[in-house]
Amino acid sequence: MSFTRIFNKLNEIRDYSNFVKINGLELYKTLFNYIDFYNEDQLKKIDLLSEKLEKILFNARKYSLALDIYNFEIDFFQENYTSEKLTAAYKKSMILSTVLESISTRESYEITEDFNDLIRHFEESNNKLQKRFQSLYNDLIFFPEKESEKIPEKIRDLLEENLGNLITENELHSSHFIYYLKNAFNNLEKLSEKYHYQSLTDELTGLNNRRHLYANYPSFIHLAKRQKVPICVMLIDVDDFKNINDNYGHQKGDEVLIRIAEVVKNFVRKSDITIRFGGDEFLLLMYDSSVRTAMIVAESIREEINSIKFKDDNGNTFNIIISIGITGRKPGKEFNDDTDLDAYLEDIIKQADIALYHAKYDQKNKVNIYNDGLLSIIN
């Protein structure tokens, strides 16, 4: 093996499949064992080859492999110190990490691994620096103090240059570590935000889920109490939804739920809380809304959904109908500091559910408002 033979083999790579076929990463690492640092032609070839492999891996979206190459170059040029090459490797590695960050937020396992790799890499690099500082220190104390003025000028200049290089390398090393640490921390923050959003969002419809309701209703009710405004709860249920799944399939059932969610979102305000409450059940917690206003909104939603033409797999159309139950409360009059918030919300939802049950019990495809007389139907 020789530098020329390995270089020529790597230089023949035209695409990612060739890179994999000849085990390009390991071959590239092997090439560095044959570098003559006094051979400018070889160093230029290394630069051109690195750029070529970078383009191939970028085109194939194999960014992690490109990052492996850069990190290998960092390790190599740190051990076999070449200031210019080391600086270039650091810069490429940082830029690629930014590219990776813009592409996606990696999952928690990968980020944990990144952290571990980062710490390991820092510790290994730090050990190398310590050894080189120790080596330079040993060189300096090799000369007796009384003979220090007799140190040949060339040797003294070389030692000073090595010391300057080590200081520069230490600065690069520290800035590189800090950069990656910040990057990894930002990844964790974004991942946390992502999981927080997912934990409060229904995956199918994009609406908020029950967890979001229970996390936000206390502030919702407290605000209504302070502002002395009424609130309403609206429960929406798809009539005979089981028949839709049985007759048209669960995929079509999901399509129906997604479409209902879109309609509901078009009729609510930012101050309202919209929830996918169950399988085919949706809940609206409406702020500063009278029962009359809620009734108007509910009728609009019902009519809009009734007008939608769904198609089965054969192109035949079908309609769906919904029933809605509504109840209204006035937290400013009913609510005090001793009120059990969970029980208060549960009672409101129970009233809306009774009104919904009455709508279905009556004729379906109907909006119904809760009143105490409806309890006789349930009991």
Protein backbone atom coordinates (compact mmCIF):
# COMPACT_ATOMS: atom_id res chain seq x y z
CA MET A 1 0.00 0.00 0.00
CA SER A 2 1.12 3.55 -0.65
CA PHE A 3 -0.30 7.05 -0.53
CA THR A 4 -0.65 7.15 -4.32
CA ARG A 5 -2.45 3.79 -4.61
CA ILE A 6 -4.94 4.56 -1.81
CA PHE A 7 -5.50 8.09 -3.08
CA ASN A 8 -6.18 6.89 -6.64
CA LYS A 9 -8.66 4.30 -5.37
CA LEU A 10 -10.54 6.92 -3.33
CA ASN A 11 -10.38 9.42 -6.17
CA GLU A 12 -12.20 6.94 -8.43
CA ILE A 13 -15.31 7.12 -6.22
CA ARG A 14 -18.18 8.65 -8.16
CA ASP A 15 -21.18 8.16 -5.89
CA TYR A 16 -22.24 6.94 -2.45
CA SER A 17 -22.64 3.31 -3.54
CA ASN A 18 -18.96 3.26 -4.61
CA PHE A 19 -18.03 4.86 -1.28
CA VAL A 20 -19.79 2.07 0.62
CA LYS A 21 -18.50 -0.67 -1.67
CA ILE A 22 -14.83 0.09 -1.00
CA ASN A 23 -15.42 1.01 2.65
CA GLY A 24 -14.49 4.61 1.89
CA LEU A 25 -14.35 5.94 5.44
CA GLU A 26 -11.84 3.36 6.64
CA LEU A 27 -9.80 3.69 3.45
CA TYR A 28 -9.72 7.47 3.89
CA LYS A 29 -8.43 7.01 7.43
CA THR A 30 -5.79 4.59 6.18
CA LEU A 31 -4.60 7.15 3.64
CA PHE A 32 -3.54 9.45 6.46
CA ASN A 33 -1.01 6.87 7.65
CA TYR A 34 0.98 7.53 4.48
CA ILE A 35 0.98 11.34 4.49
CA ASP A 36 4.30 13.10 4.23
CA PHE A 37 3.74 16.47 5.92
CA TYR A 38 6.62 17.98 3.98
CA ASN A 39 5.03 16.98 0.68
CA GLU A 40 2.86 19.93 -0.42
CA ASP A 41 1.45 17.96 -3.34
CA GLN A 42 0.07 15.29 -1.01
CA LEU A 43 -1.48 17.86 1.30
CA LYS A 44 -3.23 19.54 -1.65
CA LYS A 45 -4.53 16.17 -2.86
CA ILE A 46 -5.93 15.49 0.62
CA ASP A 47 -7.81 18.82 0.54
CA LEU A 48 -9.30 18.09 -2.90
CA LEU A 49 -10.22 14.53 -1.94
CA SER A 50 -11.90 15.72 1.26
CA GLU A 51 -14.01 18.20 -0.74
CA LYS A 52 -14.96 15.52 -3.26
CA LEU A 53 -16.03 13.00 -0.63
CA GLU A 54 -17.94 15.75 1.16
CA LYS A 55 -19.99 16.50 -1.99
CA ILE A 56 -20.72 12.80 -2.57
CA LEU A 57 -21.91 12.28 1.00
CA PHE A 58 -23.90 15.53 1.01
CA ASN A 59 -25.65 14.59 -2.25
CA ALA A 60 -26.57 11.23 -0.70
CA ARG A 61 -27.69 13.04 2.50
CA LYS A 62 -25.20 10.98 4.51
CA TYR A 63 -24.31 13.90 6.75
CA SER A 64 -23.30 11.78 9.71
CA LEU A 65 -20.61 10.08 7.60
CA ALA A 66 -19.29 13.47 6.50
CA LEU A 67 -19.19 14.50 10.15
CA ASP A 68 -17.23 11.32 10.95
CA ILE A 69 -14.64 12.35 8.36
CA TYR A 70 -14.33 15.84 9.81
CA ASN A 71 -14.01 14.56 13.37
CA PHE A 72 -11.35 12.07 12.23
CA GLU A 73 -9.43 14.94 10.61
CA ILE A 74 -9.69 16.91 13.87
CA ASP A 75 -8.27 13.99 15.86
CA PHE A 76 -5.53 13.34 13.33
CA PHE A 77 -4.35 16.92 12.91
CA GLN A 78 -4.49 17.41 16.65
CA GLU A 79 -2.18 14.46 17.23
CA ASN A 80 0.04 15.25 14.24
CA TYR A 81 -0.22 18.97 14.72
CA THR A 82 -0.88 21.09 11.67
CA SER A 83 -2.47 24.38 12.71
CA GLU A 84 -3.99 25.34 9.36
CA LYS A 85 -5.46 21.89 8.72
CA LEU A 86 -6.82 21.58 12.25
CA THR A 87 -8.55 24.96 12.01
CA ALA A 88 -10.12 23.99 8.67
CA ALA A 89 -11.37 20.67 10.09
CA TYR A 90 -12.92 22.42 13.09
CA LYS A 91 -14.74 24.91 10.84
CA LYS A 92 -16.11 22.20 8.53
CA SER A 93 -17.32 20.19 11.49
CA MET A 94 -19.11 23.21 12.99
CA ILE A 95 -20.75 24.18 9.69
CA LEU A 96 -21.99 20.64 9.08
CA SER A 97 -23.47 20.45 12.58
CA THR A 98 -25.44 23.61 11.78
CA VAL A 99 -26.68 21.97 8.56
CA LEU A 100 -27.72 18.87 10.48
CA GLU A 101 -29.56 21.05 13.00
CA SER A 102 -31.50 22.80 10.22
CA ILE A 103 -32.55 19.45 8.73
CA SER A 104 -34.15 17.93 11.79
CA THR A 105 -34.19 17.63 15.54
CA ARG A 106 -32.74 14.27 16.45
CA GLU A 107 -34.49 11.94 18.87
CA SER A 108 -33.60 11.63 22.54
CA TYR A 109 -31.48 8.47 22.25
CA GLU A 110 -29.37 9.99 19.48
CA ILE A 111 -28.97 13.25 21.40
CA THR A 112 -27.90 11.34 24.51
CA GLU A 113 -25.34 9.53 22.38
CA ASP A 114 -24.19 12.88 20.98
CA PHE A 115 -23.65 14.14 24.51
CA ASN A 116 -21.69 11.04 25.45
CA ASP A 117 -19.60 11.23 22.28
CA LEU A 118 -18.99 14.92 22.89
CA ILE A 119 -17.73 14.34 26.41
CA ARG A 120 -15.58 11.38 25.34
CA HIS A 121 -14.10 13.35 22.47
CA PHE A 122 -13.35 16.31 24.74
CA GLU A 123 -11.71 14.09 27.36
CA GLU A 124 -9.57 12.31 24.76
CA SER A 125 -8.55 15.57 23.12
CA ASN A 126 -7.83 17.12 26.48
CA ASN A 127 -5.56 14.21 27.39
CA LYS A 128 -3.64 14.71 24.15
CA LEU A 129 -3.19 18.38 24.91
CA GLN A 130 -2.00 17.60 28.41
CA LYS A 131 0.59 15.16 27.08
CA ARG A 132 1.89 17.69 24.59
CA PHE A 133 2.07 20.41 27.22
CA GLN A 134 3.97 17.99 29.45
CA SER A 135 6.31 17.11 26.59
CA LEU A 136 7.02 20.78 25.91
CA TYR A 137 7.55 21.40 29.61
CA ASN A 138 10.05 18.55 29.75
CA ASP A 139 11.89 20.05 26.78
CA LEU A 140 12.11 23.39 28.54
CA ILE A 141 13.38 22.04 31.87
CA PHE A 142 15.88 19.81 30.09
CA PHE A 143 18.20 22.83 29.93
CA PRO A 144 19.77 23.81 33.27
CA GLU A 145 18.62 27.22 34.44
CA LYS A 146 22.14 28.67 34.46
CA GLU A 147 22.61 27.52 30.88
CA SER A 148 19.27 28.94 29.66
CA GLU A 149 20.89 31.90 27.97
CA LYS A 150 23.05 29.52 25.96
CA ILE A 151 20.08 27.73 24.37
CA PRO A 152 20.61 27.95 20.61
CA GLU A 153 18.34 30.59 19.09
CA LYS A 154 16.76 28.14 16.64
CA ILE A 155 15.80 25.73 19.40
CA ARG A 156 14.43 28.57 21.52
CA ASP A 157 12.37 29.84 18.56
CA LEU A 158 11.07 26.33 17.89
CA LEU A 159 10.00 25.89 21.52
CA GLU A 160 8.27 29.28 21.48
CA GLU A 161 6.51 28.34 18.24
CA ASN A 162 5.36 25.04 19.73
CA LEU A 163 4.09 26.84 22.81
CA GLY A 164 2.18 29.32 20.62
CA ASN A 165 0.71 26.44 18.60
CA LEU A 166 -0.42 24.68 21.76
CA ILE A 167 -2.09 27.83 23.04
CA THR A 168 -3.89 28.28 19.70
CA GLU A 169 -4.92 24.64 19.68
CA ASN A 170 -6.21 24.88 23.23
CA GLU A 171 -8.35 27.88 22.26
CA LEU A 172 -9.73 26.02 19.24
CA HIS A 173 -10.33 22.96 21.36
CA SER A 174 -12.27 24.93 23.98
CA SER A 175 -14.34 26.91 21.47
CA HIS A 176 -15.14 23.71 19.57
CA PHE A 177 -16.31 21.96 22.73
CA ILE A 178 -18.41 24.95 23.82
CA TYR A 179 -19.99 25.18 20.36
CA TYR A 180 -21.00 21.53 20.37
CA LEU A 181 -22.20 21.72 23.96
CA LYS A 182 -24.47 24.65 23.08
CA ASN A 183 -25.67 22.81 19.99
CA ALA A 184 -26.47 19.66 21.96
CA PHE A 185 -28.28 21.71 24.60
CA ASN A 186 -30.34 23.45 21.89
CA ASN A 187 -31.25 20.04 20.49
CA LEU A 188 -32.46 18.94 23.91
CA GLU A 189 -34.52 22.11 24.30
CA LYS A 190 -36.15 21.61 20.91
CA LEU A 191 -36.78 17.95 21.65
CA SER A 192 -38.38 18.90 24.95
CA GLU A 193 -40.63 21.41 23.18
CA LYS A 194 -41.49 18.81 20.56
CA TYR A 195 -42.45 16.17 23.13
CA HIS A 196 -44.35 18.73 25.20
CA TYR A 197 -46.37 19.67 22.11
CA GLN A 198 -46.95 16.03 21.21
CA SER A 199 -48.05 15.20 24.75
CA LEU A 200 -50.79 17.84 24.52
CA THR A 201 -51.86 17.23 20.91
CA ASP A 202 -54.03 14.59 19.30
CA GLU A 203 -51.91 12.97 16.60
CA LEU A 204 -54.77 12.27 14.18
CA THR A 205 -56.66 15.58 14.14
CA GLY A 206 -54.06 18.04 15.39
CA LEU A 207 -56.48 19.27 18.05
CA ASN A 208 -55.56 19.47 21.72
CA ASN A 209 -56.12 16.33 23.77
CA ARG A 210 -57.48 15.63 27.26
CA ARG A 211 -54.09 16.24 28.82
CA HIS A 212 -54.13 19.76 27.41
CA LEU A 213 -57.62 20.31 28.83
CA TYR A 214 -56.67 19.26 32.35
CA ALA A 215 -53.47 21.29 32.19
CA ASN A 216 -55.18 24.52 31.06
CA TYR A 217 -58.72 24.60 32.41
CA PRO A 218 -57.75 25.92 35.90
CA SER A 219 -56.35 29.16 34.44
CA PHE A 220 -59.31 29.29 32.03
CA ILE A 221 -61.85 29.11 34.86
CA HIS A 222 -59.92 31.48 37.14
CA LEU A 223 -59.78 34.06 34.34
CA ALA A 224 -63.52 33.75 33.72
CA LYS A 225 -64.11 34.21 37.46
CA ARG A 226 -61.95 37.36 37.63
CA GLN A 227 -63.48 38.81 34.48
CA LYS A 228 -66.99 37.76 35.60
CA VAL A 229 -67.83 36.26 32.21
CA PRO A 230 -69.85 33.10 31.44
CA ILE A 231 -68.37 29.95 29.95
CA CYS A 232 -69.96 27.16 27.95
CA VAL A 233 -69.04 23.54 27.31
CA MET A 234 -70.03 21.91 24.04
CA LEU A 235 -69.79 18.16 23.46
CA ILE A 236 -69.94 16.94 19.85
CA ASP A 237 -70.46 13.29 18.97
CA VAL A 238 -70.67 11.61 15.56
CA ASP A 239 -73.95 9.73 15.24
CA ASP A 240 -73.57 6.04 14.39
CA PHE A 241 -69.82 6.36 13.98
CA LYS A 242 -69.38 2.59 14.41
CA ASN A 243 -71.40 2.07 11.23
CA ILE A 244 -69.01 4.34 9.34
CA ASN A 245 -66.04 2.22 10.42
CA ASP A 246 -67.91 -1.02 9.72
CA ASN A 247 -69.24 0.03 6.30
CA TYR A 248 -66.38 2.13 4.94
CA GLY A 249 -63.33 1.10 6.96
CA HIS A 250 -61.30 2.69 9.75
CA GLN A 251 -59.25 4.77 7.33
CA LYS A 252 -62.43 6.45 6.11
CA GLY A 253 -63.49 6.86 9.74
CA ASP A 254 -60.22 8.69 10.43
CA GLU A 255 -60.88 10.92 7.41
CA VAL A 256 -64.27 11.82 8.87
CA LEU A 257 -62.74 12.75 12.24
CA ILE A 258 -60.06 14.89 10.60
CA ARG A 259 -62.67 16.74 8.54
CA ILE A 260 -64.84 17.37 11.61
CA ALA A 261 -61.83 18.76 13.45
CA GLU A 262 -61.16 21.16 10.55
CA VAL A 263 -64.76 22.39 10.61
CA VAL A 264 -64.76 22.87 14.38
CA LYS A 265 -61.49 24.85 14.25
CA ASN A 266 -63.06 27.24 11.75
CA PHE A 267 -65.83 28.15 14.19
CA VAL A 268 -63.85 28.69 17.40
CA ARG A 269 -61.87 31.64 18.73
CA LYS A 270 -58.35 31.76 20.12
CA SER A 271 -59.79 32.16 23.60
CA ASP A 272 -61.65 28.83 23.33
CA ILE A 273 -60.16 25.42 24.11
CA THR A 274 -60.86 22.74 21.48
CA ILE A 275 -60.29 19.11 22.46
CA ARG A 276 -60.57 15.71 20.87
CA PHE A 277 -62.21 14.25 23.93
CA GLY A 278 -62.61 10.62 22.90
CA GLY A 279 -62.79 8.38 19.84
CA ASP A 280 -65.50 10.29 17.96
CA GLU A 281 -66.21 12.93 20.60
CA PHE A 282 -65.04 16.55 20.61
CA LEU A 283 -65.23 19.11 23.41
CA LEU A 284 -65.25 22.91 23.21
CA LEU A 285 -64.63 25.02 26.29
CA MET A 286 -65.92 28.44 25.23
CA TYR A 287 -64.79 31.63 26.98
CA ASP A 288 -67.13 34.59 27.53
CA SER A 289 -69.97 32.83 25.76
CA SER A 290 -73.66 32.71 26.58
CA VAL A 291 -75.66 29.55 25.97
CA ARG A 292 -77.46 31.35 23.15
CA THR A 293 -74.15 32.15 21.42
CA ALA A 294 -72.96 28.58 21.92
CA MET A 295 -76.22 27.33 20.42
CA ILE A 296 -75.70 29.44 17.28
CA VAL A 297 -72.12 28.17 16.89
CA ALA A 298 -73.23 24.57 17.45
CA GLU A 299 -75.97 24.79 14.82
CA SER A 300 -73.47 26.25 12.35
CA ILE A 301 -71.05 23.40 13.00
CA ARG A 302 -73.83 20.79 12.67
CA GLU A 303 -75.08 22.22 9.38
CA GLU A 304 -71.59 22.53 7.94
CA ILE A 305 -70.75 18.92 8.76
CA ASN A 306 -74.10 17.67 7.44
CA SER A 307 -73.33 19.31 4.08
CA ILE A 308 -70.00 17.51 3.57
CA LYS A 309 -70.00 14.79 0.91
CA PHE A 310 -67.62 11.96 1.75
CA LYS A 311 -66.67 9.34 -0.83
CA ASP A 312 -66.14 5.62 -0.26
CA ASP A 313 -63.54 3.55 -2.09
CA ASN A 314 -65.97 3.01 -4.98
CA GLY A 315 -66.62 6.71 -5.44
CA ASN A 316 -70.07 6.63 -3.86
CA THR A 317 -70.93 9.56 -1.61
CA PHE A 318 -72.24 9.48 1.93
CA ASN A 319 -73.08 12.04 4.60
CA ILE A 320 -72.59 12.02 8.34
CA ILE A 321 -74.64 13.58 11.13
CA ILE A 322 -73.64 14.77 14.59
CA SER A 323 -75.33 15.47 17.90
CA ILE A 324 -74.26 18.25 20.27
CA GLY A 325 -74.84 18.87 23.96
CA ILE A 326 -74.33 22.30 25.55
CA THR A 327 -74.22 23.63 29.08
CA GLY A 328 -73.33 27.05 30.48
CA ARG A 329 -71.85 28.21 33.78
CA LYS A 330 -70.87 31.46 35.51
CA PRO A 331 -67.65 30.92 37.49
CA GLY A 332 -67.80 34.47 38.89
CA LYS A 333 -70.95 33.54 40.86
CA GLU A 334 -70.42 29.82 41.46
CA PHE A 335 -66.70 29.52 41.98
CA ASN A 336 -64.71 30.36 45.13
CA ASP A 337 -61.30 29.59 46.59
CA ASP A 338 -62.58 26.41 48.27
CA THR A 339 -64.08 25.00 45.06
CA ASP A 340 -62.58 21.71 43.88
CA LEU A 341 -61.44 22.51 40.35
CA ASP A 342 -61.46 18.91 39.17
CA ALA A 343 -64.96 18.33 40.52
CA TYR A 344 -66.14 21.63 38.99
CA LEU A 345 -64.90 20.66 35.51
CA GLU A 346 -66.22 17.13 35.85
CA ASP A 347 -69.66 18.51 36.74
CA ILE A 348 -69.70 20.86 33.74
CA ILE A 349 -68.72 18.08 31.34
CA LYS A 350 -71.29 15.76 32.91
CA GLN A 351 -74.04 18.32 32.23
CA ALA A 352 -72.95 18.68 28.58
CA ASP A 353 -72.86 14.90 28.30
CA ILE A 354 -76.42 14.63 29.64
CA ALA A 355 -77.57 17.20 27.05
CA LEU A 356 -75.76 15.21 24.34
CA TYR A 357 -77.37 11.98 25.50
CA HIS A 358 -80.76 13.66 25.29
CA ALA A 359 -80.06 14.83 21.72
CA LYS A 360 -79.21 11.26 20.69
CA TYR A 361 -82.08 9.78 22.68
CA ASP A 362 -84.50 12.18 20.99
CA GLN A 363 -83.69 11.99 17.26
CA LYS A 364 -79.95 12.46 16.68
CA ASN A 365 -78.60 15.17 14.35
CA LYS A 366 -79.60 17.72 16.94
CA VAL A 367 -78.24 20.40 19.28
CA ASN A 368 -79.54 20.24 22.83
CA ILE A 369 -79.06 22.50 25.90
CA TYR A 370 -78.76 21.10 29.40
CA ASN A 371 -81.44 21.71 32.02
CA ASP A 372 -82.16 19.94 35.27
CA GLY A 373 -85.22 18.27 33.77
CA LEU A 374 -83.00 16.20 31.48
CA LEU A 375 -81.73 14.21 34.47
CA SER A 376 -84.97 12.22 34.46
CA ILE A 377 -83.99 10.72 31.13
CA ILE A 378 -80.71 9.42 32.52
CA ASN A 379 -82.07 8.17 35.86
